[in-house]
Amino acid sequence: MTHVVGQACFGCKYTDCVVVCPVECFYEGEQMLYIHPDECIDCEACVPECPVEAIFHEDNVPEDQQPFIELNAELAATCEVITEKKEPLVDN
């Protein structure tokens, strides 16, 4: 099983989650972050760190955000890994 970054991350891209990830499974796209499903160990460390509550267990992704499961898998494979906190795209 894996976790998925959903719609709420688009356009804000907080990186609080990446610094607590023990396996470095977050990848940075232009507008949001993605979790690589083959690398995520389902530890849930990232979930409480996301200030916009954009991270879901794949079994709990809201119905209207189901396409993000495949989107994370596809785009994580094409983006650079991110392990350090950066400035978000938006302010709090």
PDB file of N, CA and C in Angstrom:
ATOM      1  N   MET A   1       0.832  -1.175   0.000  1.00  0.00           N
ATOM      2  CA  MET A   1       0.000   0.000   0.000  1.00  0.00           C
ATOM      3  C   MET A   1       0.886   1.252   0.000  1.00  0.00           C
ATOM      4  N   THR A   2       0.265   2.363  -0.336  1.00  0.00           N
ATOM      5  CA  THR A   2       1.025   3.596  -0.430  1.00  0.00           C
ATOM      6  C   THR A   2       0.156   4.776  -0.044  1.00  0.00           C
ATOM      7  N   HIS A   3       0.779   5.910   0.055  1.00  0.00           N
ATOM      8  CA  HIS A   3       0.073   7.160   0.264  1.00  0.00           C
ATOM      9  C   HIS A   3       0.101   7.938  -1.044  1.00  0.00           C
ATOM     10  N   VAL A   4      -0.825   8.879  -1.156  1.00  0.00           N
ATOM     11  CA  VAL A   4      -1.022   9.625  -2.392  1.00  0.00           C
ATOM     12  C   VAL A   4      -1.136  11.105  -2.054  1.00  0.00           C
ATOM     13  N   VAL A   5      -0.497  11.945  -2.853  1.00  0.00           N
ATOM     14  CA  VAL A   5      -0.655  13.389  -2.708  1.00  0.00           C
ATOM     15  C   VAL A   5      -1.832  13.796  -3.594  1.00  0.00           C
ATOM     16  N   GLY A   6      -2.773  14.519  -3.011  1.00  0.00           N
ATOM     17  CA  GLY A   6      -3.991  14.885  -3.722  1.00  0.00           C
ATOM     18  C   GLY A   6      -4.053  16.332  -4.161  1.00  0.00           C
ATOM     19  N   GLN A   7      -5.237  16.723  -4.576  1.00  0.00           N
ATOM     20  CA  GLN A   7      -5.528  18.029  -5.174  1.00  0.00           C
ATOM     21  C   GLN A   7      -5.063  19.212  -4.335  1.00  0.00           C
ATOM     22  N   ALA A   8      -5.176  19.138  -3.026  1.00  0.00           N
ATOM     23  CA  ALA A   8      -4.852  20.282  -2.172  1.00  0.00           C
ATOM     24  C   ALA A   8      -3.394  20.727  -2.291  1.00  0.00           C
ATOM     25  N   CYS A   9      -2.517  19.862  -2.760  1.00  0.00           N
ATOM     26  CA  CYS A   9      -1.105  20.215  -2.922  1.00  0.00           C
ATOM     27  C   CYS A   9      -0.877  21.054  -4.180  1.00  0.00           C
ATOM     28  N   PHE A  10      -1.763  20.937  -5.138  1.00  0.00           N
ATOM     29  CA  PHE A  10      -1.559  21.634  -6.419  1.00  0.00           C
ATOM     30  C   PHE A  10      -1.525  23.143  -6.202  1.00  0.00           C
ATOM     31  N   GLY A  11      -0.445  23.746  -6.622  1.00  0.00           N
ATOM     32  CA  GLY A  11      -0.301  25.186  -6.535  1.00  0.00           C
ATOM     33  C   GLY A  11       0.209  25.702  -5.201  1.00  0.00           C
ATOM     34  N   CYS A  12       0.392  24.836  -4.233  1.00  0.00           N
ATOM     35  CA  CYS A  12       0.942  25.316  -2.959  1.00  0.00           C
ATOM     36  C   CYS A  12       2.274  24.655  -2.659  1.00  0.00           C
ATOM     37  N   LYS A  13       2.355  23.344  -2.790  1.00  0.00           N
ATOM     38  CA  LYS A  13       3.600  22.586  -2.716  1.00  0.00           C
ATOM     39  C   LYS A  13       4.394  22.824  -1.438  1.00  0.00           C
ATOM     40  N   TYR A  14       3.730  22.634  -0.289  1.00  0.00           N
ATOM     41  CA  TYR A  14       4.463  22.654   0.975  1.00  0.00           C
ATOM     42  C   TYR A  14       5.378  21.439   0.993  1.00  0.00           C
ATOM     43  N   THR A  15       6.519  21.561   1.637  1.00  0.00           N
ATOM     44  CA  THR A  15       7.475  20.452   1.653  1.00  0.00           C
ATOM     45  C   THR A  15       7.761  19.962   3.074  1.00  0.00           C
ATOM     46  N   ASP A  16       6.897  20.284   4.011  1.00  0.00           N
ATOM     47  CA  ASP A  16       7.062  19.817   5.389  1.00  0.00           C
ATOM     48  C   ASP A  16       7.119  18.290   5.437  1.00  0.00           C
ATOM     49  N   CYS A  17       6.375  17.660   4.554  1.00  0.00           N
ATOM     50  CA  CYS A  17       6.264  16.200   4.519  1.00  0.00           C
ATOM     51  C   CYS A  17       7.560  15.511   4.121  1.00  0.00           C
ATOM     52  N   VAL A  18       8.327  16.121   3.249  1.00  0.00           N
ATOM     53  CA  VAL A  18       9.502  15.432   2.713  1.00  0.00           C
ATOM     54  C   VAL A  18      10.614  15.247   3.736  1.00  0.00           C
ATOM     55  N   VAL A  19      10.701  16.149   4.701  1.00  0.00           N
ATOM     56  CA  VAL A  19      11.791  16.050   5.674  1.00  0.00           C
ATOM     57  C   VAL A  19      11.562  14.947   6.707  1.00  0.00           C
ATOM     58  N   VAL A  20      10.329  14.471   6.845  1.00  0.00           N
ATOM     59  CA  VAL A  20      10.050  13.390   7.800  1.00  0.00           C
ATOM     60  C   VAL A  20       9.985  12.022   7.132  1.00  0.00           C
ATOM     61  N   CYS A  21      10.061  11.971   5.832  1.00  0.00           N
ATOM     62  CA  CYS A  21       9.969  10.712   5.099  1.00  0.00           C
ATOM     63  C   CYS A  21      11.269   9.911   5.263  1.00  0.00           C
ATOM     64  N   PRO A  22      11.183   8.722   5.845  1.00  0.00           N
ATOM     65  CA  PRO A  22      12.400   7.938   6.070  1.00  0.00           C
ATOM     66  C   PRO A  22      12.959   7.253   4.821  1.00  0.00           C
ATOM     67  N   VAL A  23      12.189   7.217   3.739  1.00  0.00           N
ATOM     68  CA  VAL A  23      12.647   6.511   2.546  1.00  0.00           C
ATOM     69  C   VAL A  23      12.787   7.395   1.312  1.00  0.00           C
ATOM     70  N   GLU A  24      12.604   8.709   1.474  1.00  0.00           N
ATOM     71  CA  GLU A  24      12.780   9.655   0.378  1.00  0.00           C
ATOM     72  C   GLU A  24      11.943   9.284  -0.849  1.00  0.00           C
ATOM     73  N   CYS A  25      10.628   9.135  -0.649  1.00  0.00           N
ATOM     74  CA  CYS A  25       9.747   8.727  -1.748  1.00  0.00           C
ATOM     75  C   CYS A  25       8.963   9.883  -2.356  1.00  0.00           C
ATOM     76  N   PHE A  26       9.283  11.126  -1.963  1.00  0.00           N
ATOM     77  CA  PHE A  26       8.609  12.297  -2.529  1.00  0.00           C
ATOM     78  C   PHE A  26       9.377  12.823  -3.738  1.00  0.00           C
ATOM     79  N   TYR A  27       8.617  13.237  -4.735  1.00  0.00           N
ATOM     80  CA  TYR A  27       9.196  13.782  -5.957  1.00  0.00           C
ATOM     81  C   TYR A  27       8.535  15.115  -6.251  1.00  0.00           C
ATOM     82  N   GLU A  28       9.328  16.054  -6.772  1.00  0.00           N
ATOM     83  CA  GLU A  28       8.855  17.412  -6.969  1.00  0.00           C
ATOM     84  C   GLU A  28       8.544  17.709  -8.429  1.00  0.00           C
ATOM     85  N   GLY A  29       7.272  18.051  -8.680  1.00  0.00           N
ATOM     86  CA  GLY A  29       6.861  18.531  -9.984  1.00  0.00           C
ATOM     87  C   GLY A  29       6.798  20.050  -9.954  1.00  0.00           C
ATOM     88  N   GLU A  30       6.418  20.659 -11.058  1.00  0.00           N
ATOM     89  CA  GLU A  30       6.356  22.119 -11.115  1.00  0.00           C
ATOM     90  C   GLU A  30       5.303  22.693 -10.188  1.00  0.00           C
ATOM     91  N   GLN A  31       4.155  22.028 -10.080  1.00  0.00           N
ATOM     92  CA  GLN A  31       3.038  22.570  -9.311  1.00  0.00           C
ATOM     93  C   GLN A  31       2.697  21.815  -8.031  1.00  0.00           C
ATOM     94  N   MET A  32       3.243  20.620  -7.849  1.00  0.00           N
ATOM     95  CA  MET A  32       2.919  19.837  -6.660  1.00  0.00           C
ATOM     96  C   MET A  32       3.953  18.743  -6.435  1.00  0.00           C
ATOM     97  N   LEU A  33       3.801  18.045  -5.319  1.00  0.00           N
ATOM     98  CA  LEU A  33       4.658  16.911  -4.988  1.00  0.00           C
ATOM     99  C   LEU A  33       3.935  15.615  -5.313  1.00  0.00           C
ATOM    100  N   TYR A  34       4.706  14.549  -5.487  1.00  0.00           N
ATOM    101  CA  TYR A  34       4.142  13.229  -5.770  1.00  0.00           C
ATOM    102  C   TYR A  34       4.841  12.202  -4.894  1.00  0.00           C
ATOM    103  N   ILE A  35       4.131  11.140  -4.566  1.00  0.00           N
ATOM    104  CA  ILE A  35       4.714  10.034  -3.807  1.00  0.00           C
ATOM    105  C   ILE A  35       4.870   8.845  -4.751  1.00  0.00           C
ATOM    106  N   HIS A  36       6.074   8.283  -4.781  1.00  0.00           N
ATOM    107  CA  HIS A  36       6.327   7.117  -5.624  1.00  0.00           C
ATOM    108  C   HIS A  36       5.742   5.887  -4.919  1.00  0.00           C
ATOM    109  N   PRO A  37       4.773   5.214  -5.538  1.00  0.00           N
ATOM    110  CA  PRO A  37       4.087   4.105  -4.867  1.00  0.00           C
ATOM    111  C   PRO A  37       4.968   2.892  -4.574  1.00  0.00           C
ATOM    112  N   ASP A  38       6.011   2.708  -5.338  1.00  0.00           N
ATOM    113  CA  ASP A  38       6.898   1.568  -5.104  1.00  0.00           C
ATOM    114  C   ASP A  38       7.923   1.842  -4.005  1.00  0.00           C
ATOM    115  N   GLU A  39       8.065   3.096  -3.613  1.00  0.00           N
ATOM    116  CA  GLU A  39       9.048   3.466  -2.601  1.00  0.00           C
ATOM    117  C   GLU A  39       8.420   3.768  -1.246  1.00  0.00           C
ATOM    118  N   CYS A  40       7.161   4.160  -1.230  1.00  0.00           N
ATOM    119  CA  CYS A  40       6.466   4.492   0.012  1.00  0.00           C
ATOM    120  C   CYS A  40       6.316   3.232   0.866  1.00  0.00           C
ATOM    121  N   ILE A  41       6.667   3.360   2.152  1.00  0.00           N
ATOM    122  CA  ILE A  41       6.567   2.207   3.055  1.00  0.00           C
ATOM    123  C   ILE A  41       5.323   2.303   3.955  1.00  0.00           C
ATOM    124  N   ASP A  42       4.464   3.254   3.670  1.00  0.00           N
ATOM    125  CA  ASP A  42       3.185   3.364   4.368  1.00  0.00           C
ATOM    126  C   ASP A  42       3.357   3.657   5.857  1.00  0.00           C
ATOM    127  N   CYS A  43       4.362   4.459   6.211  1.00  0.00           N
ATOM    128  CA  CYS A  43       4.641   4.747   7.622  1.00  0.00           C
ATOM    129  C   CYS A  43       3.747   5.844   8.189  1.00  0.00           C
ATOM    130  N   GLU A  44       3.148   6.631   7.332  1.00  0.00           N
ATOM    131  CA  GLU A  44       2.229   7.724   7.680  1.00  0.00           C
ATOM    132  C   GLU A  44       2.908   8.911   8.348  1.00  0.00           C
ATOM    133  N   ALA A  45       4.221   8.981   8.376  1.00  0.00           N
ATOM    134  CA  ALA A  45       4.915  10.108   9.000  1.00  0.00           C
ATOM    135  C   ALA A  45       4.582  11.432   8.311  1.00  0.00           C
ATOM    136  N   CYS A  46       4.333  11.385   7.029  1.00  0.00           N
ATOM    137  CA  CYS A  46       4.077  12.592   6.254  1.00  0.00           C
ATOM    138  C   CYS A  46       2.672  13.172   6.460  1.00  0.00           C
ATOM    139  N   VAL A  47       1.717  12.331   6.792  1.00  0.00           N
ATOM    140  CA  VAL A  47       0.312  12.750   6.845  1.00  0.00           C
ATOM    141  C   VAL A  47       0.083  13.921   7.789  1.00  0.00           C
ATOM    142  N   PRO A  48       0.506  13.850   9.054  1.00  0.00           N
ATOM    143  CA  PRO A  48       0.238  14.983   9.946  1.00  0.00           C
ATOM    144  C   PRO A  48       1.075  16.228   9.639  1.00  0.00           C
ATOM    145  N   GLU A  49       2.122  16.078   8.835  1.00  0.00           N
ATOM    146  CA  GLU A  49       2.992  17.213   8.508  1.00  0.00           C
ATOM    147  C   GLU A  49       2.423  18.102   7.412  1.00  0.00           C
ATOM    148  N   CYS A  50       1.471  17.620   6.644  1.00  0.00           N
ATOM    149  CA  CYS A  50       0.933  18.382   5.516  1.00  0.00           C
ATOM    150  C   CYS A  50      -0.069  19.425   6.030  1.00  0.00           C
ATOM    151  N   PRO A  51       0.258  20.716   5.900  1.00  0.00           N
ATOM    152  CA  PRO A  51      -0.629  21.754   6.430  1.00  0.00           C
ATOM    153  C   PRO A  51      -1.948  21.909   5.668  1.00  0.00           C
ATOM    154  N   VAL A  52      -2.035  21.346   4.470  1.00  0.00           N
ATOM    155  CA  VAL A  52      -3.279  21.453   3.699  1.00  0.00           C
ATOM    156  C   VAL A  52      -4.012  20.114   3.601  1.00  0.00           C
ATOM    157  N   GLU A  53      -3.542  19.123   4.351  1.00  0.00           N
ATOM    158  CA  GLU A  53      -4.163  17.798   4.401  1.00  0.00           C
ATOM    159  C   GLU A  53      -4.352  17.187   3.011  1.00  0.00           C
ATOM    160  N   ALA A  54      -3.267  17.196   2.245  1.00  0.00           N
ATOM    161  CA  ALA A  54      -3.308  16.703   0.867  1.00  0.00           C
ATOM    162  C   ALA A  54      -2.865  15.256   0.722  1.00  0.00           C
ATOM    163  N   ILE A  55      -2.420  14.611   1.800  1.00  0.00           N
ATOM    164  CA  ILE A  55      -1.879  13.255   1.704  1.00  0.00           C
ATOM    165  C   ILE A  55      -2.870  12.252   2.269  1.00  0.00           C
ATOM    166  N   PHE A  56      -3.174  11.248   1.455  1.00  0.00           N
ATOM    167  CA  PHE A  56      -4.151  10.222   1.822  1.00  0.00           C
ATOM    168  C   PHE A  56      -3.549   8.834   1.634  1.00  0.00           C
ATOM    169  N   HIS A  57      -3.989   7.881   2.458  1.00  0.00           N
ATOM    170  CA  HIS A  57      -3.691   6.488   2.182  1.00  0.00           C
ATOM    171  C   HIS A  57      -4.460   6.149   0.897  1.00  0.00           C
ATOM    172  N   GLU A  58      -3.896   5.357   0.014  1.00  0.00           N
ATOM    173  CA  GLU A  58      -4.548   5.100  -1.275  1.00  0.00           C
ATOM    174  C   GLU A  58      -5.945   4.520  -1.134  1.00  0.00           C
ATOM    175  N   ASP A  59      -6.230   3.840  -0.029  1.00  0.00           N
ATOM    176  CA  ASP A  59      -7.567   3.298   0.193  1.00  0.00           C
ATOM    177  C   ASP A  59      -8.564   4.365   0.644  1.00  0.00           C
ATOM    178  N   ASN A  60      -8.048   5.545   1.023  1.00  0.00           N
ATOM    179  CA  ASN A  60      -8.908   6.612   1.540  1.00  0.00           C
ATOM    180  C   ASN A  60      -8.898   7.874   0.690  1.00  0.00           C
ATOM    181  N   VAL A  61      -8.401   7.775  -0.536  1.00  0.00           N
ATOM    182  CA  VAL A  61      -8.407   8.936  -1.419  1.00  0.00           C
ATOM    183  C   VAL A  61      -9.868   9.252  -1.748  1.00  0.00           C
ATOM    184  N   PRO A  62     -10.275  10.522  -1.557  1.00  0.00           N
ATOM    185  CA  PRO A  62     -11.667  10.874  -1.882  1.00  0.00           C
ATOM    186  C   PRO A  62     -12.028  10.512  -3.326  1.00  0.00           C
ATOM    187  N   GLU A  63     -13.271  10.164  -3.522  1.00  0.00           N
ATOM    188  CA  GLU A  63     -13.753   9.720  -4.839  1.00  0.00           C
ATOM    189  C   GLU A  63     -13.372  10.689  -5.952  1.00  0.00           C
ATOM    190  N   ASP A  64     -13.529  11.993  -5.696  1.00  0.00           N
ATOM    191  CA  ASP A  64     -13.242  12.977  -6.734  1.00  0.00           C
ATOM    192  C   ASP A  64     -11.746  13.162  -6.997  1.00  0.00           C
ATOM    193  N   GLN A  65     -10.895  12.521  -6.183  1.00  0.00           N
ATOM    194  CA  GLN A  65      -9.452  12.636  -6.364  1.00  0.00           C
ATOM    195  C   GLN A  65      -8.792  11.313  -6.754  1.00  0.00           C
ATOM    196  N   GLN A  66      -9.582  10.327  -7.101  1.00  0.00           N
ATOM    197  CA  GLN A  66      -9.048   9.015  -7.486  1.00  0.00           C
ATOM    198  C   GLN A  66      -7.999   9.094  -8.606  1.00  0.00           C
ATOM    199  N   PRO A  67      -8.136  10.004  -9.589  1.00  0.00           N
ATOM    200  CA  PRO A  67      -7.103  10.083 -10.633  1.00  0.00           C
ATOM    201  C   PRO A  67      -5.705  10.422 -10.102  1.00  0.00           C
ATOM    202  N   PHE A  68      -5.631  10.972  -8.895  1.00  0.00           N
ATOM    203  CA  PHE A  68      -4.322  11.309  -8.329  1.00  0.00           C
ATOM    204  C   PHE A  68      -3.515  10.069  -7.965  1.00  0.00           C
ATOM    205  N   ILE A  69      -4.162   8.942  -7.792  1.00  0.00           N
ATOM    206  CA  ILE A  69      -3.427   7.699  -7.515  1.00  0.00           C
ATOM    207  C   ILE A  69      -2.524   7.376  -8.698  1.00  0.00           C
ATOM    208  N   GLU A  70      -3.090   7.373  -9.873  1.00  0.00           N
ATOM    209  CA  GLU A  70      -2.304   7.101 -11.082  1.00  0.00           C
ATOM    210  C   GLU A  70      -1.351   8.251 -11.399  1.00  0.00           C
ATOM    211  N   LEU A  71      -1.806   9.480 -11.173  1.00  0.00           N
ATOM    212  CA  LEU A  71      -0.973  10.651 -11.446  1.00  0.00           C
ATOM    213  C   LEU A  71       0.304  10.623 -10.605  1.00  0.00           C
ATOM    214  N   ASN A  72       0.196  10.279  -9.325  1.00  0.00           N
ATOM    215  CA  ASN A  72       1.380  10.174  -8.472  1.00  0.00           C
ATOM    216  C   ASN A  72       2.341   9.126  -9.023  1.00  0.00           C
ATOM    217  N   ALA A  73       1.820   7.976  -9.385  1.00  0.00           N
ATOM    218  CA  ALA A  73       2.666   6.891  -9.900  1.00  0.00           C
ATOM    219  C   ALA A  73       3.373   7.297 -11.191  1.00  0.00           C
ATOM    220  N   GLU A  74       2.638   7.925 -12.088  1.00  0.00           N
ATOM    221  CA  GLU A  74       3.219   8.315 -13.380  1.00  0.00           C
ATOM    222  C   GLU A  74       4.254   9.420 -13.239  1.00  0.00           C
ATOM    223  N   LEU A  75       3.896  10.479 -12.509  1.00  0.00           N
ATOM    224  CA  LEU A  75       4.776  11.643 -12.468  1.00  0.00           C
ATOM    225  C   LEU A  75       5.935  11.501 -11.494  1.00  0.00           C
ATOM    226  N   ALA A  76       5.790  10.711 -10.452  1.00  0.00           N
ATOM    227  CA  ALA A  76       6.925  10.478  -9.551  1.00  0.00           C
ATOM    228  C   ALA A  76       8.079   9.848 -10.330  1.00  0.00           C
ATOM    229  N   ALA A  77       7.755   9.037 -11.294  1.00  0.00           N
ATOM    230  CA  ALA A  77       8.783   8.366 -12.093  1.00  0.00           C
ATOM    231  C   ALA A  77       9.523   9.314 -13.032  1.00  0.00           C
ATOM    232  N   THR A  78       8.975  10.517 -13.251  1.00  0.00           N
ATOM    233  CA  THR A  78       9.599  11.450 -14.188  1.00  0.00           C
ATOM    234  C   THR A  78      10.188  12.681 -13.515  1.00  0.00           C
ATOM    235  N   CYS A  79       9.983  12.833 -12.198  1.00  0.00           N
ATOM    236  CA  CYS A  79      10.432  14.018 -11.471  1.00  0.00           C
ATOM    237  C   CYS A  79      11.663  13.709 -10.619  1.00  0.00           C
ATOM    238  N   GLU A  80      12.267  14.774 -10.093  1.00  0.00           N
ATOM    239  CA  GLU A  80      13.430  14.646  -9.221  1.00  0.00           C
ATOM    240  C   GLU A  80      12.977  14.389  -7.787  1.00  0.00           C
ATOM    241  N   VAL A  81      13.707  13.549  -7.066  1.00  0.00           N
ATOM    242  CA  VAL A  81      13.424  13.302  -5.657  1.00  0.00           C
ATOM    243  C   VAL A  81      13.661  14.598  -4.880  1.00  0.00           C
ATOM    244  N   ILE A  82      12.863  14.816  -3.848  1.00  0.00           N
ATOM    245  CA  ILE A  82      13.035  15.987  -2.992  1.00  0.00           C
ATOM    246  C   ILE A  82      13.153  15.505  -1.550  1.00  0.00           C
ATOM    247  N   THR A  83      14.177  15.992  -0.846  1.00  0.00           N
ATOM    248  CA  THR A  83      14.422  15.549   0.526  1.00  0.00           C
ATOM    249  C   THR A  83      14.565  16.709   1.502  1.00  0.00           C
ATOM    250  N   GLU A  84      14.609  17.935   1.000  1.00  0.00           N
ATOM    251  CA  GLU A  84      14.800  19.096   1.859  1.00  0.00           C
ATOM    252  C   GLU A  84      13.621  20.048   1.740  1.00  0.00           C
ATOM    253  N   LYS A  85      13.345  20.743   2.828  1.00  0.00           N
ATOM    254  CA  LYS A  85      12.250  21.701   2.857  1.00  0.00           C
ATOM    255  C   LYS A  85      12.589  22.905   1.989  1.00  0.00           C
ATOM    256  N   LYS A  86      11.599  23.369   1.234  1.00  0.00           N
ATOM    257  CA  LYS A  86      11.738  24.544   0.370  1.00  0.00           C
ATOM    258  C   LYS A  86      10.574  25.487   0.654  1.00  0.00           C
ATOM    259  N   GLU A  87      10.665  26.685   0.128  1.00  0.00           N
ATOM    260  CA  GLU A  87       9.566  27.629   0.258  1.00  0.00           C
ATOM    261  C   GLU A  87       8.382  27.121  -0.559  1.00  0.00           C
ATOM    262  N   PRO A  88       7.167  27.201   0.008  1.00  0.00           N
ATOM    263  CA  PRO A  88       5.976  26.765  -0.747  1.00  0.00           C
ATOM    264  C   PRO A  88       5.660  27.765  -1.859  1.00  0.00           C
ATOM    265  N   LEU A  89       4.778  27.379  -2.760  1.00  0.00           N
ATOM    266  CA  LEU A  89       4.369  28.267  -3.835  1.00  0.00           C
ATOM    267  C   LEU A  89       3.415  29.353  -3.341  1.00  0.00           C
ATOM    268  N   VAL A  90       2.740  29.106  -2.208  1.00  0.00           N
ATOM    269  CA  VAL A  90       1.807  30.084  -1.631  1.00  0.00           C
ATOM    270  C   VAL A  90       2.165  30.351  -0.179  1.00  0.00           C
ATOM    271  N   ASP A  91       1.664  31.452   0.339  1.00  0.00           N
ATOM    272  CA  ASP A  91       1.873  31.778   1.754  1.00  0.00           C
ATOM    273  C   ASP A  91       0.755  31.203   2.592  1.00  0.00           C
ATOM    274  N   ASN A  92       0.998  31.024   3.873  1.00  0.00           N
ATOM    275  CA  ASN A  92      -0.035  30.541   4.790  1.00  0.00           C
ATOM    276  C   ASN A  92      -1.200  31.481   4.843  1.00  0.00           C
TER     277      ASN A  92
END
